[in-house]
């Protein structure tokens, strides 16, 4: 299936693997790219322990990029998070330095102002795709000169926008507002949704959670099994980076980064909600833990949950499409299945059109 996004990025299928912290390493990235999609290295790709050493972060990313190239000769992407200030910004700058030095073909830029890095990345020869959560952000990204945008709805796992736009309401508004290719992200997990996104004007889809439940993904088996058990209503979005807040998880957030964090609704999270009368934000969830996370469990709550499978740390990111996931497959088989589902959906639509025509 060829669209504007497949032609732009040099890929076979209009499927971009979302950038996911800790759980999008070289192996799953290469598997998606080898299957004809676009794999994306996310923050802390391949790592099992957090680091505050900027140089070490650069070394880790460089090793992952080289590993991807050992496993595939097809296009892939690296996610660059726009650092807000301080150490966060230093991490971002170091990763961009490494990406440019290694000749990364595609940059997926997220959580910040598109004016910050776009020009530099494009001058380095990269195709730049900016992740947006609102029409205004997409228009700003187009003005900054990006090649395409991901319009990501609040249905998606992990961070989503402050405006809480749902994916299939956001997509047609963004495609009406910009001339560059738009990719639909947020809660997308199968081929029927790909066809629906195309019908709304998108040129492809941005899929995260479905690629966690794959053989190659480094996520802990307990995390993957929880995805399989979850159905509709199995995720919840909590406020993250709220305006006026300066508590845990909120410091330094810009307008583009404020929003919510969508995660699996676990028993531990239900307990936290009960204790707080159902009113919680990221700070309240973070406060529910006593003491630091040990380095034996990665040194961070997200690593402890996703890589080490600690069920007491409710940080298993997941989109609302989780209810469509019922088996763990290879990443290549996920891409193949999505495209087969898309083909059947298109055939069904054509069949409906034929019936309507014959009725006239």
Protein backbone atom coordinates (compact mmCIF):
# COMPACT_ATOMS: atom_id res chain seq x y z
CA UNK A 1 0.00 0.00 0.00
CA UNK A 2 1.58 3.25 -1.14
CA UNK A 3 0.68 6.63 0.35
CA UNK A 4 2.43 9.98 0.64
CA UNK A 5 4.07 8.84 3.89
CA UNK A 6 5.46 5.60 2.43
CA UNK A 7 6.95 7.56 -0.48
CA UNK A 8 8.36 10.22 1.84
CA UNK A 9 10.04 7.73 4.18
CA UNK A 10 10.90 5.01 1.67
CA UNK A 11 8.87 2.29 3.38
CA UNK A 12 6.52 -0.38 2.07
CA UNK A 13 3.56 -0.08 4.42
CA UNK A 14 2.09 3.07 6.04
CA UNK A 15 2.82 1.81 9.56
CA UNK A 16 5.12 3.75 11.88
CA UNK A 17 6.04 2.18 15.20
CA UNK A 18 5.57 4.75 17.95
CA UNK A 19 8.51 5.88 20.05
CA UNK A 20 8.07 4.24 23.46
CA UNK A 21 10.38 4.80 26.43
CA UNK A 22 12.34 1.67 27.47
CA UNK A 23 10.43 -0.76 25.23
CA UNK A 24 11.45 0.18 21.67
CA UNK A 25 14.94 -1.23 21.31
CA UNK A 26 17.00 -2.16 18.25
CA UNK A 27 15.54 -5.65 17.91
CA UNK A 28 11.89 -4.62 17.72
CA UNK A 29 12.76 -1.55 15.61
CA UNK A 30 14.62 -3.65 13.03
CA UNK A 31 11.85 -6.25 12.97
CA UNK A 32 9.23 -3.61 12.14
CA UNK A 33 11.42 -2.03 9.48
CA UNK A 34 12.26 -5.41 7.94
CA UNK A 35 8.52 -6.08 7.68
CA UNK A 36 8.07 -2.91 5.62
CA UNK A 37 7.04 -0.45 8.34
CA UNK A 38 9.13 2.16 10.11
CA UNK A 39 10.66 1.14 13.43
CA UNK A 40 11.50 3.90 15.91
CA UNK A 41 14.10 3.86 18.66
CA UNK A 42 12.57 5.46 21.76
CA UNK A 43 14.08 7.01 24.90
CA UNK A 44 16.27 4.59 26.88
CA UNK A 45 16.18 2.12 23.99
CA UNK A 46 17.98 -1.09 24.93
CA UNK A 47 18.68 0.11 28.48
CA UNK A 48 17.85 -1.70 31.71
CA UNK A 49 19.11 0.91 34.14
CA UNK A 50 18.49 4.66 34.18
CA UNK A 51 21.43 7.06 33.90
CA UNK A 52 21.93 10.73 34.69
CA UNK A 53 25.18 10.78 32.68
CA UNK A 54 24.61 12.70 29.45
CA UNK A 55 27.66 11.15 27.77
CA UNK A 56 26.47 7.66 28.71
CA UNK A 57 23.07 8.41 27.19
CA UNK A 58 24.79 9.30 23.92
CA UNK A 59 26.86 6.09 23.99
CA UNK A 60 23.77 3.99 24.58
CA UNK A 61 21.89 5.60 21.69
CA UNK A 62 24.85 5.22 19.35
CA UNK A 63 25.12 1.52 20.20
CA UNK A 64 21.41 1.02 19.51
CA UNK A 65 21.61 2.82 16.15
CA UNK A 66 24.55 0.64 15.13
CA UNK A 67 22.68 -2.46 16.27
CA UNK A 68 19.66 -1.50 14.15
CA UNK A 69 21.93 -1.20 11.13
CA UNK A 70 23.33 -4.67 11.83
CA UNK A 71 19.81 -6.07 11.74
CA UNK A 72 18.27 -4.16 8.82
CA UNK A 73 19.21 -2.09 5.79
CA UNK A 74 15.78 -0.45 5.68
CA UNK A 75 14.73 3.00 6.92
CA UNK A 76 14.21 3.50 10.65
CA UNK A 77 13.69 6.45 12.97
CA UNK A 78 14.99 7.81 16.25
CA UNK A 79 12.77 9.71 18.66
CA UNK A 80 14.14 13.04 19.85
CA UNK A 81 12.28 14.52 22.82
CA UNK A 82 12.45 18.32 22.97
CA UNK A 83 14.19 18.98 26.28
CA UNK A 84 12.54 21.66 28.39
CA UNK A 85 15.48 22.87 30.48
CA UNK A 86 18.55 21.80 32.43
CA UNK A 87 19.56 18.14 32.29
CA UNK A 88 16.48 17.32 30.22
CA UNK A 89 17.71 19.68 27.49
CA UNK A 90 21.27 18.32 27.72
CA UNK A 91 20.00 14.79 27.13
CA UNK A 92 18.03 16.00 24.11
CA UNK A 93 20.98 17.85 22.59
CA UNK A 94 23.31 14.89 23.08
CA UNK A 95 20.88 12.50 21.40
CA UNK A 96 20.51 14.84 18.43
CA UNK A 97 24.29 15.14 18.13
CA UNK A 98 24.56 11.35 17.99
CA UNK A 99 21.67 11.00 15.55
CA UNK A 100 23.28 13.47 13.15
CA UNK A 101 26.71 11.87 13.47
CA UNK A 102 25.22 8.44 12.74
CA UNK A 103 23.20 9.64 9.76
CA UNK A 104 19.78 8.61 11.09
CA UNK A 105 17.30 8.78 8.18
CA UNK A 106 14.14 9.81 10.06
CA UNK A 107 13.58 11.91 13.19
CA UNK A 108 10.38 11.52 15.20
CA UNK A 109 10.31 14.65 17.37
CA UNK A 110 7.95 14.91 20.34
CA UNK A 111 6.92 16.77 23.47
CA UNK A 112 7.95 20.26 22.58
CA UNK A 113 8.20 23.23 20.24
CA UNK A 114 8.88 22.22 16.61
CA UNK A 115 10.88 25.40 16.10
CA UNK A 116 13.66 24.12 18.37
CA UNK A 117 15.29 21.33 16.32
CA UNK A 118 13.59 21.07 12.91
CA UNK A 119 15.97 23.23 10.90
CA UNK A 120 19.07 21.52 12.27
CA UNK A 121 17.68 18.03 11.71
CA UNK A 122 16.63 18.79 8.13
CA UNK A 123 20.01 20.34 7.32
CA UNK A 124 21.53 17.06 8.50
CA UNK A 125 19.48 15.23 5.85
CA UNK A 126 16.79 13.74 8.06
CA UNK A 127 13.10 13.54 7.31
CA UNK A 128 11.40 15.19 10.28
CA UNK A 129 8.05 13.99 11.64
CA UNK A 130 6.67 15.97 14.58
CA UNK A 131 4.18 14.49 17.04
CA UNK A 132 1.25 16.83 17.77
CA UNK A 133 -1.86 16.63 19.94
CA UNK A 134 -3.83 19.59 18.60
CA UNK A 135 -4.54 21.42 15.35
CA UNK A 136 -2.61 24.48 16.51
CA UNK A 137 0.47 22.38 17.19
CA UNK A 138 0.24 20.73 13.75
CA UNK A 139 0.03 24.14 12.03
CA UNK A 140 3.01 25.35 14.05
CA UNK A 141 4.99 22.25 13.04
CA UNK A 142 4.17 22.86 9.36
CA UNK A 143 5.38 26.45 9.70
CA UNK A 144 8.60 25.14 11.26
CA UNK A 145 9.24 23.12 8.09
CA UNK A 146 8.65 19.55 9.23
CA UNK A 147 8.02 16.93 6.54
CA UNK A 148 4.99 15.35 8.22
CA UNK A 149 3.11 15.30 11.50
CA UNK A 150 1.70 12.59 13.71
CA UNK A 151 -1.68 13.72 15.04
CA UNK A 152 -1.83 11.79 18.30
CA UNK A 153 -5.08 11.53 20.22
CA UNK A 154 -5.63 11.02 23.91
CA UNK A 155 -6.59 7.41 23.13
CA UNK A 156 -2.88 6.62 22.90
CA UNK A 157 -0.67 5.13 25.60
CA UNK A 158 1.86 7.20 27.51
CA UNK A 159 1.85 10.99 27.11
CA UNK A 160 -1.01 12.68 25.30
CA UNK A 161 -2.06 16.26 24.82
CA UNK A 162 -3.50 18.76 27.24
CA UNK A 163 -6.53 19.33 25.00
CA UNK A 164 -7.67 15.70 25.28
CA UNK A 165 -8.57 15.35 21.60
CA UNK A 166 -9.58 11.84 20.63
CA UNK A 167 -7.82 10.37 17.61
CA UNK A 168 -10.61 9.99 15.10
CA UNK A 169 -12.01 13.45 15.84
CA UNK A 170 -8.56 15.05 15.71
CA UNK A 171 -7.40 13.51 12.40
CA UNK A 172 -9.87 15.13 9.97
CA UNK A 173 -9.38 18.52 11.62
CA UNK A 174 -5.60 18.29 11.26
CA UNK A 175 -5.75 17.06 7.67
CA UNK A 176 -8.00 20.02 6.86
CA UNK A 177 -5.57 22.42 8.51
CA UNK A 178 -2.21 21.42 6.99
CA UNK A 179 -0.87 20.47 3.57
CA UNK A 180 1.90 18.11 4.72
CA UNK A 181 1.22 14.37 5.28
CA UNK A 182 -0.58 13.47 8.50
CA UNK A 183 -0.13 10.18 10.36
CA UNK A 184 -2.86 9.03 12.77
CA UNK A 185 -1.73 8.01 16.25
CA UNK A 186 -3.47 7.09 19.48
CA UNK A 187 -5.28 3.83 20.18
CA UNK A 188 -4.59 2.36 16.72
CA UNK A 189 -4.00 -1.38 16.84
CA UNK A 190 -5.43 -3.04 13.72
CA UNK A 191 -5.93 -2.74 9.98
CA UNK A 192 -9.54 -1.57 10.14
CA UNK A 193 -8.32 1.51 11.98
CA UNK A 194 -5.66 2.04 9.33
CA UNK A 195 -8.36 2.16 6.64
CA UNK A 196 -10.48 4.45 8.82
CA UNK A 197 -7.51 6.79 9.27
CA UNK A 198 -6.92 6.88 5.51
CA UNK A 199 -10.60 7.66 4.98
CA UNK A 200 -10.22 10.65 7.30
CA UNK A 201 -7.32 12.02 5.27
CA UNK A 202 -4.32 10.51 7.05
CA UNK A 203 -1.47 8.92 5.10
CA UNK A 204 -0.61 6.24 7.65
CA UNK A 205 -0.79 5.19 11.29
CA UNK A 206 1.46 5.49 14.35
CA UNK A 207 1.20 2.36 16.50
CA UNK A 208 2.73 1.77 19.93
CA UNK A 209 0.94 -0.60 22.30
CA UNK A 210 0.41 -3.33 19.71
CA UNK A 211 4.19 -3.61 19.25
CA UNK A 212 4.74 -4.06 22.99
CA UNK A 213 2.91 -7.38 22.81
CA UNK A 214 5.46 -8.87 20.42
CA UNK A 215 8.18 -11.49 20.68
CA UNK A 216 11.04 -9.06 20.03
CA UNK A 217 9.91 -6.39 22.47
CA UNK A 218 12.03 -6.17 25.67
CA UNK A 219 8.99 -5.45 27.87
CA UNK A 220 8.59 -7.88 30.77
CA UNK A 221 6.28 -10.83 30.16
CA UNK A 222 4.05 -9.69 33.03
CA UNK A 223 3.51 -6.41 31.18
CA UNK A 224 2.71 -8.22 27.93
CA UNK A 225 0.32 -10.61 29.66
CA UNK A 226 -1.48 -7.66 31.26
CA UNK A 227 -1.99 -6.18 27.79
CA UNK A 228 -3.57 -9.42 26.60
CA UNK A 229 -5.94 -9.52 29.59
CA UNK A 230 -7.07 -5.90 29.21
CA UNK A 231 -10.27 -5.09 27.39
CA UNK A 232 -12.24 -1.91 26.78
CA UNK A 233 -12.03 0.28 29.86
CA UNK A 234 -8.70 -1.29 30.78
CA UNK A 235 -6.73 1.98 30.62
CA UNK A 236 -6.98 5.32 32.36
CA UNK A 237 -5.49 8.75 31.70
CA UNK A 238 -4.12 10.75 34.64
CA UNK A 239 -3.13 14.42 34.55
CA UNK A 240 0.54 15.01 33.85
CA UNK A 241 2.33 18.35 33.68
CA UNK A 242 -0.75 20.33 34.72
CA UNK A 243 -0.73 24.11 34.46
CA UNK A 244 0.40 25.73 37.70
CA UNK A 245 1.87 22.54 39.13
CA UNK A 246 5.47 22.13 40.19
CA UNK A 247 5.28 18.72 41.85
CA UNK A 248 6.81 15.41 40.76
CA UNK A 249 6.66 14.89 37.02
CA UNK A 250 5.49 18.43 36.25
CA UNK A 251 8.59 20.63 36.46
CA UNK A 252 9.68 22.41 33.29
CA UNK A 253 6.78 21.23 31.13
CA UNK A 254 5.93 23.40 28.14
CA UNK A 255 2.49 23.81 26.61
CA UNK A 256 3.18 21.01 24.13
CA UNK A 257 4.15 18.58 26.90
CA UNK A 258 1.33 19.14 29.36
CA UNK A 259 -1.50 16.68 29.22
CA UNK A 260 -2.11 13.20 30.53
CA UNK A 261 -0.46 9.83 30.87
CA UNK A 262 -2.53 6.84 29.75
CA UNK A 263 -1.67 3.61 31.57
CA UNK A 264 -3.17 0.21 32.33
CA UNK A 265 -5.70 0.28 35.15
CA UNK A 266 -4.06 -2.16 37.59
CA UNK A 267 -5.16 -3.25 41.07
CA UNK A 268 -2.44 -1.02 42.56
CA UNK A 269 -3.76 1.99 40.66
CA UNK A 270 -7.33 1.22 41.76
CA UNK A 271 -6.13 1.25 45.38
CA UNK A 272 -4.52 4.66 44.86
CA UNK A 273 -7.76 6.01 43.40
CA UNK A 274 -9.80 4.70 46.32
CA UNK A 275 -7.44 6.23 48.88
CA UNK A 276 -7.64 9.59 47.09
CA UNK A 277 -11.41 9.54 46.52
CA UNK A 278 -10.89 9.12 42.80
CA UNK A 279 -9.07 12.43 42.33
CA UNK A 280 -5.42 11.90 41.35
CA UNK A 281 -2.76 13.32 39.08
CA UNK A 282 0.74 12.11 38.28
CA UNK A 283 2.09 13.60 41.50
CA UNK A 284 -0.41 11.66 43.61
CA UNK A 285 0.50 8.41 41.87
CA UNK A 286 4.21 9.10 42.32
CA UNK A 287 3.67 9.88 46.02
CA UNK A 288 2.15 6.42 46.52
CA UNK A 289 5.64 4.89 46.52
CA UNK A 290 7.95 5.00 49.52
CA UNK A 291 11.64 5.43 48.90
CA UNK A 292 13.72 5.35 45.70
CA UNK A 293 13.57 2.57 43.13
CA UNK A 294 16.62 0.32 43.46
CA UNK A 295 19.12 0.06 40.61
CA UNK A 296 18.39 -3.68 40.58
CA UNK A 297 15.00 -2.65 39.20
CA UNK A 298 16.34 -0.03 36.82
CA UNK A 299 16.41 2.97 39.14
CA UNK A 300 13.10 4.39 37.90
CA UNK A 301 9.45 3.48 38.30
CA UNK A 302 8.95 3.21 34.55
CA UNK A 303 11.89 0.84 34.12
CA UNK A 304 10.86 -1.21 37.15
CA UNK A 305 7.37 -1.62 35.72
CA UNK A 306 8.05 -2.13 32.03
CA UNK A 307 11.41 -3.92 32.00
CA UNK A 308 11.36 -5.72 35.36
CA UNK A 309 7.61 -6.26 35.50
CA UNK A 310 6.99 -4.94 39.01
CA UNK A 311 3.17 -5.11 39.39
CA UNK A 312 3.23 -2.71 42.35
CA UNK A 313 4.39 0.19 40.17
CA UNK A 314 1.41 1.29 38.02
CA UNK A 315 3.33 2.65 35.05
CA UNK A 316 2.41 0.22 32.28
CA UNK A 317 1.64 2.58 29.41
CA UNK A 318 -1.09 1.40 27.07
CA UNK A 319 -3.50 2.92 24.57
CA UNK A 320 -7.23 2.26 24.34
CA UNK A 321 -6.60 -0.08 21.43
CA UNK A 322 -5.39 -2.61 23.99
CA UNK A 323 -8.78 -4.33 23.81
CA UNK A 324 -7.92 -5.37 20.24
CA UNK A 325 -4.78 -7.27 21.29
CA UNK A 326 -5.32 -10.96 21.98
CA UNK A 327 -2.02 -12.66 21.14
CA UNK A 328 1.73 -12.13 21.20
CA UNK A 329 3.16 -12.27 17.70
CA UNK A 330 6.44 -11.42 16.05
CA UNK A 331 6.61 -7.77 15.02
CA UNK A 332 6.74 -8.83 11.39
CA UNK A 333 3.56 -10.83 11.80
CA UNK A 334 1.86 -7.84 13.43
CA UNK A 335 2.65 -5.70 10.37
CA UNK A 336 1.46 -8.50 8.07
CA UNK A 337 -1.76 -8.98 10.05
CA UNK A 338 -2.53 -5.26 10.05
CA UNK A 339 -2.11 -5.06 6.30
CA UNK A 340 -4.28 -8.17 5.78
CA UNK A 341 -6.96 -6.64 8.01
CA UNK A 342 -6.73 -3.42 6.05
CA UNK A 343 -7.16 -5.30 2.77
CA UNK A 344 -10.28 -7.06 4.09
CA UNK A 345 -11.68 -3.76 5.34
CA UNK A 346 -11.14 -2.16 1.93
CA UNK A 347 -12.82 -5.11 0.22
CA UNK A 348 -15.80 -4.78 2.56
CA UNK A 349 -16.12 -1.09 1.75
CA UNK A 350 -15.92 -1.80 -1.97
CA UNK A 351 -18.58 -4.49 -1.52
CA UNK A 352 -20.89 -2.07 0.24
CA UNK A 353 -20.35 0.43 -2.58
CA UNK A 354 -21.19 -2.23 -5.18
CA UNK A 355 -24.39 -3.18 -3.36
CA UNK A 356 -25.45 0.47 -3.09
CA UNK A 357 -24.80 1.00 -6.81
CA UNK A 358 -26.84 -2.05 -7.79
CA UNK A 359 -29.74 -0.87 -5.66
CA UNK A 360 -30.10 2.32 -7.69
